[in-house]
C-alpha cells in the first residue's frame, strides 16, 4: 500500500489535471479547519480539565461546570450552516488530498451527530451529566452501611456465605434503581434527536457516525456467538462445579451473586491458585511503570498527572483521558495491589500510550486513535499480561517453580476470561440495540432474558428491578460496548503479528514482551503515530497486512 506522502502527491497531481475547482474547495476546507481548530482547541482542553476535576472530586458544582462546557462544544458542532458546507463538500468529492479528506470525514460525522435543536441538545447534555454525577457519588449499602465498589467486589471474590454474597450483589445493583428512569428518559431523547436526522434510532446513528455498519457487527457477533457456544458452556459447567462446592450449594442453585463480580463479566479466581497473592506485596503502579519503560513507551509523565487511589466522592471506576492532544494524558484508577488492578492499570496505560505517542506533526483533528475500538485493543493487549505466566515471572521476579504453578492455571484463566467477556459483550450489544429500538418495553425482563441466553446465568426468582441500569456505560458511553469485543479481536491480531513478524518466533509460548523495545517501536510507528489519518480498517491492514479478522481471537482463546 502507498504511504501517506505518496498518496498526497498522486492525488494532488490528479486534482490539478481536472482543473482548479477542487483546489479552490480544498483551500476553503483548510480555512474552515484552521478557524474551527482555533475555536474548539481551548474549549476541549477546558472541558477535559473540568471533567477531570469532577471525576476526582465528585462535587456537584464541578459536574455542573462540565455540563455547561460540554454544551458549548456541542453547540459549535450543531451549527447548521457549517454542517451544510461540510456535507456539500463531502458529497462533491473535491477534497482530494488524503489527510484533508480524512479531516473532512471526521468533522462531518461529528457535526452529523450534533445536528440537534438547541433546547433538545441542552436537555441531553444536562441529563447525561446528572446521571454520571449520580453514578460517581452513589454508594450502595449493606445493612445500612455504605460500601464502595471495591468493597463489593472484594466480598464477591472472597466471601463464602451465600447470604452475605447476595447482600453485596444487591448493593451493587442499588444504583440501577436510582438512575433507571433518567437513563430511559435519556434514551428517548437520544432517539428523538436521531429520528429528526432521518435515522430509525440513536443506535443506528451512533454506528454510522463511528464509521461502523450494523450488519457487519451483527455478522461478527453472530459468528462469535456460534463459535463460543460449546466452549463457553463446557467451561462454565466446570466453573459452576467449583463454585457450587465452594459455597456449599448445588450447581443448579447457583445465583448471580455466586460469581465474582456484579455482572459476571470478570473471571472468578477459582482454580487452585489465587493470582492476587503474587501482587499483594508489590506496587502495581511501579510494576507497570517499569514494564512500559522497558518497551520504550515511558509513562512517568502520564502517571505524574494521574489520580490513582480510592477516596470518598471520587469516581470509583477507571479511565484514561487526553486533555489537550498535545501530551497531557492522564489515567484515573482506584488501585489496590491485586491482579485485577494490575490488569486495570496496564489497560489504562495502554490507552494512554496510544494517545501520548501520536505524531505531533499530524493535524490535531486526527491526533487521536484510529477508532475507539483500536484504543480498546491496545488497552486489552497490555491488560492481558497481568495473568501471563512469563510476564509475571519476569516483572515479579518469580522462580521457575512459581511460574510452573501459574502456568497450570493461567491458560484456563486466559480462556475463561476471554470467553466470559465475549459473552458479556454480547449481552451488552444485544440489549442496547433492543433498548434503543423500543425503550418502552419491559427492560427488566429483557435484561434477564439476554443474560440467560448469553451468560447462562439464572434470573433470581421473582426479581423485577432495573439491574441493567446499574451498568454505567448505558448512560455515559452509549452504543460503545461492542467496541470492547472488537478490541479483543484486534488485540489478538496484533499479538499474532508481533509474535511472528516482529519477534520472529514460531509460537507465543514464552512471550512476555518484557524489555522488548521492538514491540514499542512497532506499535509507535504502525499504530500510534498515524492517529486517525487512516480509516480504522486501513490502519489495521497497514500494520498487520490484513484487515480485522476474528480468527486470531478464536485461535488464541476458543479452539
Protein backbone atom coordinates (compact mmCIF):
# COMPACT_ATOMS: atom_id res chain seq x y z
CA UNK A 1 0.00 0.00 0.00
CA UNK A 2 1.22 3.51 -0.80
CA UNK A 3 2.41 5.55 2.11
CA UNK A 4 0.76 8.82 3.09
CA UNK A 5 3.17 11.17 1.31
CA UNK A 6 2.95 9.18 -1.94
CA UNK A 7 -0.82 9.30 -1.81
CA UNK A 8 -0.79 13.04 -1.25
CA UNK A 9 1.48 13.64 -4.24
CA UNK A 10 -0.52 11.31 -6.52
CA UNK A 11 -3.89 12.76 -5.67
CA UNK A 12 -2.67 16.35 -5.80
CA UNK A 13 -1.46 15.77 -9.39
CA UNK A 14 -4.80 14.14 -10.27
CA UNK A 15 -6.67 17.13 -8.88
CA UNK A 16 -4.56 19.54 -10.91
CA UNK A 17 -5.37 17.67 -14.13
CA UNK A 18 -9.11 18.23 -13.77
CA UNK A 19 -8.96 21.97 -13.19
CA UNK A 20 -8.75 24.47 -10.37
CA UNK A 21 -12.19 23.76 -8.83
CA UNK A 22 -11.17 21.05 -6.38
CA UNK A 23 -8.08 23.00 -5.36
CA UNK A 24 -10.26 26.00 -4.50
CA UNK A 25 -12.60 23.78 -2.50
CA UNK A 26 -9.64 22.36 -0.62
CA UNK A 27 -8.48 25.87 0.23
CA UNK A 28 -11.93 26.64 1.58
CA UNK A 29 -11.89 23.46 3.64
CA UNK A 30 -8.42 24.16 5.02
CA UNK A 31 -9.52 27.65 6.03
CA UNK A 32 -12.59 26.19 7.73
CA UNK A 33 -10.46 23.65 9.60
CA UNK A 34 -7.97 26.28 10.75
CA UNK A 35 -10.73 28.52 12.10
CA UNK A 36 -12.53 25.58 13.66
CA UNK A 37 -9.45 24.29 15.48
CA UNK A 38 -8.64 27.75 16.84
CA UNK A 39 -12.13 27.82 18.35
CA UNK A 40 -12.53 24.31 19.74
CA UNK A 41 -8.99 23.51 20.85
CA UNK A 42 -9.11 25.66 24.01
CA UNK A 43 -12.73 24.67 24.61
CA UNK A 44 -11.87 20.98 24.53
CA UNK A 45 -8.98 21.42 26.91
CA UNK A 46 -11.08 23.43 29.36
CA UNK A 47 -13.85 20.83 29.25
CA UNK A 48 -11.47 17.91 29.72
CA UNK A 49 -9.88 19.59 32.72
CA UNK A 50 -13.30 20.30 34.18
CA UNK A 51 -14.30 16.67 33.72
CA UNK A 52 -11.11 15.58 35.45
CA UNK A 53 -11.90 17.87 38.38
CA UNK A 54 -15.43 16.48 38.61
CA UNK A 55 -14.32 12.85 38.45
CA UNK A 56 -11.71 13.37 41.13
CA UNK A 57 -13.85 15.47 43.47
CA UNK A 58 -17.42 14.26 42.98
CA UNK A 59 -18.65 17.80 43.66
CA UNK A 60 -22.00 18.78 42.17
CA UNK A 61 -20.69 22.18 41.10
CA UNK A 62 -17.84 20.54 39.17
CA UNK A 63 -20.29 18.35 37.27
CA UNK A 64 -22.45 21.39 36.54
CA UNK A 65 -19.43 23.08 35.01
CA UNK A 66 -18.76 20.01 32.84
CA UNK A 67 -22.34 20.17 31.64
CA UNK A 68 -22.06 23.84 30.73
CA UNK A 69 -18.77 23.41 28.86
CA UNK A 70 -19.89 20.25 27.08
CA UNK A 71 -23.00 22.04 25.87
CA UNK A 72 -20.91 24.89 24.46
CA UNK A 73 -18.77 22.47 22.46
CA UNK A 74 -21.75 20.56 21.16
CA UNK A 75 -23.34 23.85 20.16
CA UNK A 76 -20.33 24.52 17.94
CA UNK A 77 -20.93 21.19 16.18
CA UNK A 78 -24.65 21.80 15.89
CA UNK A 79 -24.22 24.83 13.60
CA UNK A 80 -26.46 24.04 10.58
CA UNK A 81 -24.58 26.28 8.12
CA UNK A 82 -21.25 24.66 8.90
CA UNK A 83 -22.86 21.26 8.50
CA UNK A 84 -24.28 22.12 5.09
CA UNK A 85 -20.85 23.35 3.96
CA UNK A 86 -19.20 20.11 5.08
CA UNK A 87 -21.92 17.89 3.66
CA UNK A 88 -21.89 19.54 0.25
CA UNK A 89 -18.11 19.50 0.06
CA UNK A 90 -18.04 15.84 1.07
CA UNK A 91 -20.68 14.90 -1.47
CA UNK A 92 -18.80 16.76 -4.22
CA UNK A 93 -15.74 14.54 -3.76
CA UNK A 94 -13.49 17.55 -4.34
CA UNK A 95 -11.40 17.14 -1.21
CA UNK A 96 -8.72 15.03 -2.88
CA UNK A 97 -5.76 15.25 -0.53
CA UNK A 98 -5.99 12.19 1.74
CA UNK A 99 -5.24 13.94 5.03
CA UNK A 100 -7.62 16.77 4.21
CA UNK A 101 -10.36 14.36 3.12
CA UNK A 102 -9.89 12.40 6.33
CA UNK A 103 -10.35 15.54 8.42
CA UNK A 104 -13.48 16.29 6.42
CA UNK A 105 -14.86 12.84 7.28
CA UNK A 106 -14.09 13.36 10.96
CA UNK A 107 -15.77 16.76 11.03
CA UNK A 108 -18.78 15.62 9.03
CA UNK A 109 -19.51 12.69 11.35
CA UNK A 110 -19.18 14.86 14.45
CA UNK A 111 -21.41 17.58 13.04
CA UNK A 112 -23.94 14.99 11.85
CA UNK A 113 -24.32 13.57 15.34
CA UNK A 114 -24.90 17.05 16.76
CA UNK A 115 -27.48 18.45 14.35
CA UNK A 116 -29.89 18.82 17.23
CA UNK A 117 -32.11 21.74 18.10
CA UNK A 118 -30.65 23.82 20.96
CA UNK A 119 -33.21 23.01 23.63
CA UNK A 120 -33.02 19.26 22.99
CA UNK A 121 -29.23 19.41 22.96
CA UNK A 122 -29.23 21.15 26.35
CA UNK A 123 -31.55 18.51 27.76
CA UNK A 124 -29.27 15.73 26.51
CA UNK A 125 -26.13 17.25 27.99
CA UNK A 126 -27.67 18.22 31.32
CA UNK A 127 -29.37 14.88 31.87
CA UNK A 128 -26.29 12.90 30.85
CA UNK A 129 -24.12 14.86 33.25
CA UNK A 130 -26.63 14.47 36.08
CA UNK A 131 -26.72 10.70 35.62
CA UNK A 132 -22.93 10.49 35.58
CA UNK A 133 -22.70 12.54 38.76
CA UNK A 134 -25.18 10.19 40.44
CA UNK A 135 -23.16 7.17 39.36
CA UNK A 136 -19.93 8.68 40.63
CA UNK A 137 -21.24 9.67 44.03
CA UNK A 138 -23.69 6.81 44.73
CA UNK A 139 -22.68 4.22 47.28
CA UNK A 140 -24.72 1.08 47.86
CA UNK A 141 -25.48 -0.09 51.38
CA UNK A 142 -25.26 -3.38 53.24
CA UNK A 143 -27.33 -3.46 56.43
CA UNK A 144 -27.42 0.35 56.40
CA UNK A 145 -23.66 0.79 55.94
CA UNK A 146 -22.32 2.41 52.75
CA UNK A 147 -19.91 0.30 50.72
CA UNK A 148 -17.60 1.13 47.82
CA UNK A 149 -17.38 -0.75 44.54
CA UNK A 150 -14.05 -2.18 45.66
CA UNK A 151 -15.63 -3.47 48.87
CA UNK A 152 -18.50 -5.08 46.97
CA UNK A 153 -16.09 -6.79 44.59
CA UNK A 154 -13.92 -7.96 47.48
CA UNK A 155 -16.91 -9.60 49.16
CA UNK A 156 -17.90 -11.30 45.91
CA UNK A 157 -14.34 -12.54 45.47
CA UNK A 158 -13.73 -13.84 48.99
CA UNK A 159 -16.93 -14.40 50.99
CA UNK A 160 -18.24 -17.97 51.19
CA UNK A 161 -21.53 -17.21 52.94
CA UNK A 162 -24.25 -17.04 50.28
CA UNK A 163 -26.38 -14.63 52.28
CA UNK A 164 -23.54 -12.12 52.57
CA UNK A 165 -22.70 -12.56 48.91
CA UNK A 166 -26.31 -11.83 47.99
CA UNK A 167 -26.29 -8.69 50.13
CA UNK A 168 -23.17 -7.44 48.33
CA UNK A 169 -24.62 -8.23 44.90
CA UNK A 170 -27.82 -6.39 45.75
CA UNK A 171 -25.80 -3.42 46.99
CA UNK A 172 -24.08 -3.30 43.61
CA UNK A 173 -27.46 -3.08 41.88
CA UNK A 174 -28.97 -0.34 44.04
CA UNK A 175 -27.62 2.42 41.80
CA UNK A 176 -29.76 0.99 38.99
CA UNK A 177 -32.95 1.91 40.83
CA UNK A 178 -31.59 5.42 41.42
CA UNK A 179 -30.81 6.14 37.76
CA UNK A 180 -33.04 3.87 35.63
CA UNK A 181 -35.83 6.36 34.95
CA UNK A 182 -33.32 9.02 33.97
CA UNK A 183 -31.49 6.62 31.63
CA UNK A 184 -34.77 5.73 29.89
CA UNK A 185 -35.51 9.45 29.52
CA UNK A 186 -32.03 9.94 28.07
CA UNK A 187 -32.51 7.06 25.61
CA UNK A 188 -35.78 8.58 24.41
CA UNK A 189 -34.17 12.00 23.99
CA UNK A 190 -31.29 10.46 22.04
CA UNK A 191 -33.76 8.63 19.82
CA UNK A 192 -35.72 11.82 19.29
CA UNK A 193 -32.56 13.60 18.13
CA UNK A 194 -31.60 10.73 15.80
CA UNK A 195 -35.05 10.44 14.27
CA UNK A 196 -35.10 14.14 13.43
CA UNK A 197 -31.96 13.46 11.40
CA UNK A 198 -33.68 10.67 9.48
CA UNK A 199 -32.36 7.64 11.39
CA UNK A 200 -34.53 4.96 12.94
CA UNK A 201 -32.89 5.37 16.34
CA UNK A 202 -29.80 6.60 18.14
CA UNK A 203 -28.08 3.21 18.00
CA UNK A 204 -28.05 3.31 14.19
CA UNK A 205 -26.88 6.93 14.13
CA UNK A 206 -24.06 6.16 16.57
CA UNK A 207 -22.69 3.31 14.48
CA UNK A 208 -22.80 5.32 11.25
CA UNK A 209 -21.02 8.32 12.75
CA UNK A 210 -18.45 5.89 14.18
CA UNK A 211 -17.79 4.50 10.69
CA UNK A 212 -19.32 1.15 11.53
CA UNK A 213 -22.07 -0.91 9.92
CA UNK A 214 -24.74 -2.67 11.99
CA UNK A 215 -24.98 -5.58 9.54
CA UNK A 216 -21.23 -6.18 9.76
CA UNK A 217 -21.34 -6.02 13.57
CA UNK A 218 -24.30 -8.39 13.66
CA UNK A 219 -22.37 -10.81 11.44
CA UNK A 220 -19.27 -10.70 13.67
CA UNK A 221 -21.27 -11.11 16.88
CA UNK A 222 -23.38 -13.92 15.43
CA UNK A 223 -20.25 -15.75 14.27
CA UNK A 224 -18.61 -15.42 17.68
CA UNK A 225 -21.83 -16.47 19.44
CA UNK A 226 -21.90 -19.71 17.47
CA UNK A 227 -18.18 -20.37 17.82
CA UNK A 228 -18.19 -19.82 21.58
CA UNK A 229 -21.43 -21.61 22.50
CA UNK A 230 -19.91 -25.04 23.06
CA UNK A 231 -16.61 -23.97 24.63
CA UNK A 232 -18.32 -21.46 26.93
CA UNK A 233 -20.95 -23.95 28.11
CA UNK A 234 -18.22 -26.50 28.83
CA UNK A 235 -16.05 -24.05 30.75
CA UNK A 236 -18.99 -22.66 32.68
CA UNK A 237 -20.11 -26.15 33.70
CA UNK A 238 -16.66 -26.73 35.18
CA UNK A 239 -16.70 -23.29 36.80
CA UNK A 240 -20.14 -23.89 38.30
CA UNK A 241 -18.99 -27.22 39.73
CA UNK A 242 -16.12 -25.49 41.54
CA UNK A 243 -18.26 -22.59 42.77
CA UNK A 244 -21.03 -24.89 43.99
CA UNK A 245 -18.55 -26.90 46.04
CA UNK A 246 -17.01 -23.74 47.46
CA UNK A 247 -20.31 -22.24 48.56
CA UNK A 248 -22.00 -25.45 49.66
CA UNK A 249 -24.86 -25.36 47.19
CA UNK A 250 -25.91 -27.50 44.24
CA UNK A 251 -24.70 -26.29 40.86
CA UNK A 252 -28.32 -25.90 39.79
CA UNK A 253 -28.86 -23.49 42.69
CA UNK A 254 -26.11 -21.04 41.73
CA UNK A 255 -27.33 -17.45 41.51
CA UNK A 256 -25.76 -14.28 40.06
CA UNK A 257 -24.18 -13.42 43.42
CA UNK A 258 -22.18 -16.65 43.38
CA UNK A 259 -19.92 -15.23 40.68
CA UNK A 260 -17.08 -12.86 41.47
CA UNK A 261 -18.37 -9.52 40.21
CA UNK A 262 -21.82 -7.93 39.94
CA UNK A 263 -22.26 -8.67 36.22
CA UNK A 264 -20.25 -11.89 35.71
CA UNK A 265 -18.01 -10.00 33.31
CA UNK A 266 -14.76 -10.87 35.07
CA UNK A 267 -13.04 -14.18 35.69
CA UNK A 268 -13.72 -15.85 39.03
CA UNK A 269 -10.44 -16.87 40.63
CA UNK A 270 -11.50 -20.43 41.32
CA UNK A 271 -8.65 -22.69 40.31
CA UNK A 272 -6.03 -23.96 42.70
CA UNK A 273 -4.00 -20.74 42.56
CA UNK A 274 -5.12 -17.25 43.52
CA UNK A 275 -3.13 -14.80 41.39
CA UNK A 276 -3.83 -11.93 43.79
CA UNK A 277 -1.26 -13.34 46.18
CA UNK A 278 1.56 -12.60 43.77
CA UNK A 279 0.70 -8.90 43.73
CA UNK A 280 -0.35 -8.15 47.29
CA UNK A 281 3.17 -7.20 48.46
CA UNK A 282 4.03 -5.34 45.26
CA UNK A 283 3.31 -1.85 43.94
CA UNK A 284 1.24 -2.33 40.79
CA UNK A 285 1.90 1.24 39.71
CA UNK A 286 5.67 0.73 39.92
CA UNK A 287 5.45 -2.61 38.08
CA UNK A 288 3.51 -1.01 35.24
CA UNK A 289 5.87 1.95 35.01
CA UNK A 290 8.96 -0.25 34.78
CA UNK A 291 7.37 -2.50 32.17
CA UNK A 292 6.32 0.30 29.83
CA UNK A 293 9.73 1.94 30.13
CA UNK A 294 11.31 -1.36 29.14
CA UNK A 295 9.42 -1.49 25.84
CA UNK A 296 10.36 2.11 25.03
CA UNK A 297 6.97 3.59 25.94
CA UNK A 298 7.78 5.55 29.12
CA UNK A 299 4.75 6.56 31.20
CA UNK A 300 6.25 8.60 34.05
CA UNK A 301 4.76 11.87 32.81
CA UNK A 302 1.36 10.19 32.45
CA UNK A 303 1.41 8.83 35.99
CA UNK A 304 2.67 12.12 37.41
CA UNK A 305 -0.57 13.84 36.38
CA UNK A 306 -2.84 10.91 37.21
CA UNK A 307 -5.13 10.18 40.18
CA UNK A 308 -4.59 6.58 41.24
CA UNK A 309 -6.06 5.81 44.66
CA UNK A 310 -9.52 5.50 46.18
CA UNK A 311 -11.21 8.18 48.28
CA UNK A 312 -14.67 9.41 49.12
CA UNK A 313 -16.50 11.20 46.31
CA UNK A 314 -14.04 10.20 43.61
CA UNK A 315 -15.23 8.31 40.54
CA UNK A 316 -14.96 4.65 41.64
CA UNK A 317 -14.07 3.27 38.22
CA UNK A 318 -11.07 3.78 35.91
CA UNK A 319 -10.49 5.72 32.70
CA UNK A 320 -7.89 7.47 30.57
CA UNK A 321 -8.23 11.00 29.23
CA UNK A 322 -6.23 13.01 26.71
CA UNK A 323 -6.55 16.57 27.97
CA UNK A 324 -5.20 18.53 25.01
CA UNK A 325 -3.87 16.14 22.29
CA UNK A 326 -0.52 17.75 22.97
CA UNK A 327 0.87 15.38 25.57
CA UNK A 328 -1.19 15.88 28.73
CA UNK A 329 -2.53 12.35 29.07
CA UNK A 330 -3.83 11.05 32.41
CA UNK A 331 -5.43 7.99 33.94
CA UNK A 332 -7.81 7.65 36.87
CA UNK A 333 -7.76 4.46 38.95
CA UNK A 334 -8.59 3.26 42.44
CA UNK A 335 -5.60 0.99 42.82
CA UNK A 336 -5.22 -1.97 45.13
CA UNK A 337 -2.27 -4.35 44.94
CA UNK A 338 -4.09 -7.27 43.35
CA UNK A 339 -4.32 -8.90 39.94
CA UNK A 340 -7.49 -7.08 38.93
CA UNK A 341 -5.95 -3.64 39.45
CA UNK A 342 -2.69 -4.78 37.87
CA UNK A 343 -4.72 -5.56 34.80
CA UNK A 344 -6.58 -2.25 35.07
CA UNK A 345 -3.51 -0.03 35.25
CA UNK A 346 -1.92 -1.90 32.33
CA UNK A 347 -5.21 -1.45 30.47
CA UNK A 348 -5.49 2.28 31.15
CA UNK A 349 -1.84 2.87 30.33
CA UNK A 350 -2.47 1.04 27.04
CA UNK A 351 -4.98 3.76 26.22
CA UNK A 352 -2.57 6.36 27.50
CA UNK A 353 0.46 5.43 25.40
CA UNK A 354 -1.72 5.36 22.29
CA UNK A 355 -2.67 8.98 22.99
CA UNK A 356 0.76 10.02 24.22
CA UNK A 357 2.74 8.83 21.22
CA UNK A 358 0.80 10.27 18.31
CA UNK A 359 2.99 12.09 15.79
CA UNK A 360 2.76 15.81 16.72
CA UNK A 361 3.01 16.65 13.01
CA UNK A 362 -0.36 15.00 12.37
CA UNK A 363 -3.20 17.59 12.24
CA UNK A 364 -4.83 17.91 15.64
CA UNK A 365 -8.21 16.74 14.36
CA UNK A 366 -6.56 13.42 13.50
CA UNK A 367 -4.34 13.27 16.58
CA UNK A 368 -6.43 10.57 18.22
CA UNK A 369 -6.82 6.80 17.86
CA UNK A 370 -7.99 5.49 14.50
CA UNK A 371 -11.16 4.34 16.22
CA UNK A 372 -12.50 3.93 19.73
CA UNK A 373 -12.10 0.15 19.43
CA UNK A 374 -8.46 0.41 18.29
CA UNK A 375 -7.56 2.15 21.53
CA UNK A 376 -9.52 -0.52 23.39
CA UNK A 377 -7.39 -3.07 21.55
CA UNK A 378 -4.20 -1.56 22.90
CA UNK A 379 -5.65 -1.43 26.41
CA UNK A 380 -6.62 -5.08 26.22
CA UNK A 381 -3.35 -6.11 24.62
CA UNK A 382 -1.46 -4.84 27.66
CA UNK A 383 -4.12 -5.73 30.23
CA UNK A 384 -3.86 -9.41 29.30
CA UNK A 385 -0.33 -9.51 30.66
CA UNK A 386 -1.39 -9.39 34.32
CA UNK A 387 -2.01 -13.14 34.29
CA UNK A 388 0.58 -14.14 31.71
CA UNK A 389 2.96 -16.55 33.47
CA UNK A 390 6.05 -15.47 31.52
CA UNK A 391 5.31 -11.79 32.16
CA UNK A 392 4.60 -12.39 35.85
CA UNK A 393 7.85 -14.32 36.30
CA UNK A 394 9.91 -11.51 34.87
CA UNK A 395 8.26 -8.48 36.45
CA UNK A 396 7.65 -10.16 39.82
CA UNK A 397 10.98 -11.99 39.84
CA UNK A 398 9.35 -15.37 40.41
CA UNK A 399 11.09 -18.72 40.47
CA UNK A 400 10.66 -21.36 37.79
CA UNK A 401 8.58 -23.33 40.27
CA UNK A 402 6.23 -20.40 40.83
CA UNK A 403 5.92 -19.85 37.11
CA UNK A 404 5.07 -23.52 36.64
CA UNK A 405 2.34 -23.19 39.27
CA UNK A 406 0.89 -20.19 37.46
CA UNK A 407 1.05 -21.92 34.09
CA UNK A 408 -1.05 -24.77 35.42
CA UNK A 409 -3.98 -22.37 35.71
CA UNK A 410 -3.10 -19.31 33.61
CA UNK A 411 -4.16 -20.97 30.37
CA UNK A 412 -7.52 -21.83 31.89
CA UNK A 413 -7.85 -18.32 33.27
CA UNK A 414 -6.97 -16.74 29.93
CA UNK A 415 -9.54 -18.77 28.03
CA UNK A 416 -12.16 -18.37 30.75
CA UNK A 417 -11.59 -14.63 30.89
CA UNK A 418 -11.95 -14.13 27.17
CA UNK A 419 -14.99 -16.37 26.83
CA UNK A 420 -16.71 -14.80 29.83
CA UNK A 421 -16.02 -11.34 28.49
CA UNK A 422 -17.07 -12.19 24.93
CA UNK A 423 -20.41 -13.50 26.15
CA UNK A 424 -20.85 -10.47 28.41
CA UNK A 425 -20.14 -8.12 25.50
CA UNK A 426 -22.84 -9.96 23.53
CA UNK A 427 -25.29 -9.19 26.35
CA UNK A 428 -24.44 -5.51 26.19
CA UNK A 429 -24.59 -5.27 22.39
CA UNK A 430 -27.87 -7.18 22.02
CA UNK A 431 -29.61 -5.49 24.95
CA UNK A 432 -28.57 -1.99 23.96
CA UNK A 433 -29.68 -2.49 20.38
CA UNK A 434 -33.11 -3.55 21.67
CA UNK A 435 -33.14 -0.77 24.26
CA UNK A 436 -32.94 1.89 21.56
CA UNK A 437 -35.30 0.00 19.26
CA UNK A 438 -38.01 0.16 21.93
CA UNK A 439 -37.30 1.83 25.29
CA UNK A 440 -40.95 1.34 26.30
CA UNK A 441 -40.69 -2.46 26.52
CA UNK A 442 -40.20 -4.44 29.74
CA UNK A 443 -36.48 -3.77 30.04
CA UNK A 444 -36.10 -5.58 33.36
CA UNK A 445 -37.32 -8.84 31.82
CA UNK A 446 -35.42 -8.24 28.59
CA UNK A 447 -32.21 -7.86 30.57
CA UNK A 448 -32.52 -11.23 32.25
CA UNK A 449 -33.63 -12.95 29.05
CA UNK A 450 -30.46 -11.65 27.41
CA UNK A 451 -28.26 -12.60 30.37
CA UNK A 452 -29.68 -16.12 30.45
CA UNK A 453 -29.16 -16.55 26.70
CA UNK A 454 -25.55 -15.43 26.50
CA UNK A 455 -24.14 -15.91 30.02
CA UNK A 456 -26.18 -18.92 31.17
CA UNK A 457 -26.82 -17.17 34.49
CA UNK A 458 -30.20 -17.62 36.17
CA UNK A 459 -32.53 -14.76 36.99
CA UNK A 460 -33.29 -14.62 40.73
CA UNK A 461 -36.83 -15.84 41.33
CA UNK A 462 -39.38 -13.02 41.25
CA UNK A 463 -36.81 -10.29 40.67
CA UNK A 464 -38.14 -7.26 38.81
CA UNK A 465 -35.63 -4.46 39.26
CA UNK A 466 -33.68 -2.37 36.71
CA UNK A 467 -30.46 -4.37 37.14
CA UNK A 468 -29.40 -3.35 33.63
CA UNK A 469 -29.29 0.31 34.70
CA UNK A 470 -26.52 -0.40 37.20
CA UNK A 471 -24.13 -0.57 34.23
CA UNK A 472 -22.77 2.95 33.80
CA UNK A 473 -21.99 2.52 30.11
CA UNK A 474 -25.65 2.84 29.08
CA UNK A 475 -25.56 6.42 30.34
CA UNK A 476 -22.08 7.76 29.64
CA UNK A 477 -20.80 5.57 26.79
CA UNK A 478 -23.86 4.74 24.70
CA UNK A 479 -23.60 2.24 21.85
CA UNK A 480 -19.95 1.72 22.74
CA UNK A 481 -19.62 -1.64 24.44
CA UNK A 482 -19.30 -3.70 21.27
CA UNK A 483 -16.02 -1.91 20.71
CA UNK A 484 -14.51 -3.74 23.67
CA UNK A 485 -15.04 -7.06 21.92
CA UNK A 486 -13.75 -5.68 18.62
CA UNK A 487 -10.77 -4.50 20.64
CA UNK A 488 -10.17 -8.05 21.85
CA UNK A 489 -10.22 -9.27 18.25
CA UNK A 490 -7.66 -6.66 17.22
CA UNK A 491 -5.51 -7.31 20.31
CA UNK A 492 -5.21 -10.95 19.22
CA UNK A 493 -4.44 -9.95 15.65
CA UNK A 494 -1.70 -7.57 16.81
CA UNK A 495 -0.34 -10.20 19.17
CA UNK A 496 -0.15 -12.73 16.34
CA UNK A 497 1.66 -10.23 14.10
CA UNK A 498 4.13 -9.19 16.78
CA UNK A 499 4.98 -12.77 17.69
CA UNK A 500 5.52 -13.99 14.14
CA UNK A 501 6.57 -10.90 12.19
CA UNK A 502 8.32 -8.64 14.70
CA UNK A 503 9.81 -11.03 17.25
CA UNK A 504 10.17 -13.72 14.55
CA UNK A 505 9.01 -16.54 16.82
CA UNK A 506 7.23 -19.73 15.87
CA UNK A 507 4.82 -19.57 18.79
CA UNK A 508 3.89 -17.32 21.73
CA UNK A 509 4.84 -19.98 24.28
CA UNK A 510 7.29 -17.82 26.27
CA UNK A 511 6.29 -14.37 25.06
CA UNK A 512 6.10 -11.76 27.81
CA UNK A 513 7.11 -8.64 25.83
CA UNK A 514 9.23 -7.57 28.82
CA UNK A 515 12.16 -5.38 27.68
CA UNK A 516 11.24 -5.96 24.01
CA UNK A 517 11.87 -2.46 22.66
CA UNK A 518 10.94 -3.60 19.16
CA UNK A 519 7.37 -4.04 20.36
CA UNK A 520 7.08 -0.43 21.48
CA UNK A 521 8.80 0.73 18.30
CA UNK A 522 6.38 -1.24 16.11
CA UNK A 523 3.30 -0.01 17.94
CA UNK A 524 4.51 3.58 17.87
CA UNK A 525 5.32 3.60 14.17
CA UNK A 526 2.49 1.41 12.85
CA UNK A 527 -0.38 2.26 15.20
CA UNK A 528 0.15 5.28 17.45
CA UNK A 529 1.87 7.89 15.30
CA UNK A 530 -0.68 7.98 12.48
CA UNK A 531 -3.57 8.60 14.85
CA UNK A 532 -6.74 8.73 12.75
CA UNK A 533 -5.04 9.57 9.45
CA UNK A 534 -6.37 6.28 8.06
CA UNK A 535 -9.76 4.62 8.35
CA UNK A 536 -9.55 2.05 11.13
CA UNK A 537 -9.51 -0.98 8.84
CA UNK A 538 -6.90 0.63 6.58
CA UNK A 539 -4.72 1.23 9.63
CA UNK A 540 -5.10 -2.41 10.70
CA UNK A 541 -4.23 -3.66 7.24
CA UNK A 542 -1.17 -1.39 7.05
CA UNK A 543 0.01 -2.60 10.46
CA UNK A 544 -0.72 -6.32 10.21
CA UNK A 545 -1.02 -6.97 6.48
CA UNK A 546 -4.75 -7.73 6.56
CA UNK A 547 -8.00 -6.13 7.73
CA UNK A 548 -9.65 -7.05 11.03
CA UNK A 549 -10.40 -10.77 11.30
CA UNK A 550 -11.94 -12.74 14.20
CA UNK A 551 -9.88 -15.88 13.55
CA UNK A 552 -6.86 -14.83 15.62
CA UNK A 553 -9.02 -14.35 18.71
CA UNK A 554 -10.73 -17.67 18.09
CA UNK A 555 -7.41 -19.47 17.57
CA UNK A 556 -5.95 -17.91 20.71
CA UNK A 557 -8.82 -18.43 23.13
CA UNK A 558 -11.63 -20.57 21.75
CA UNK A 559 -10.17 -23.54 19.89
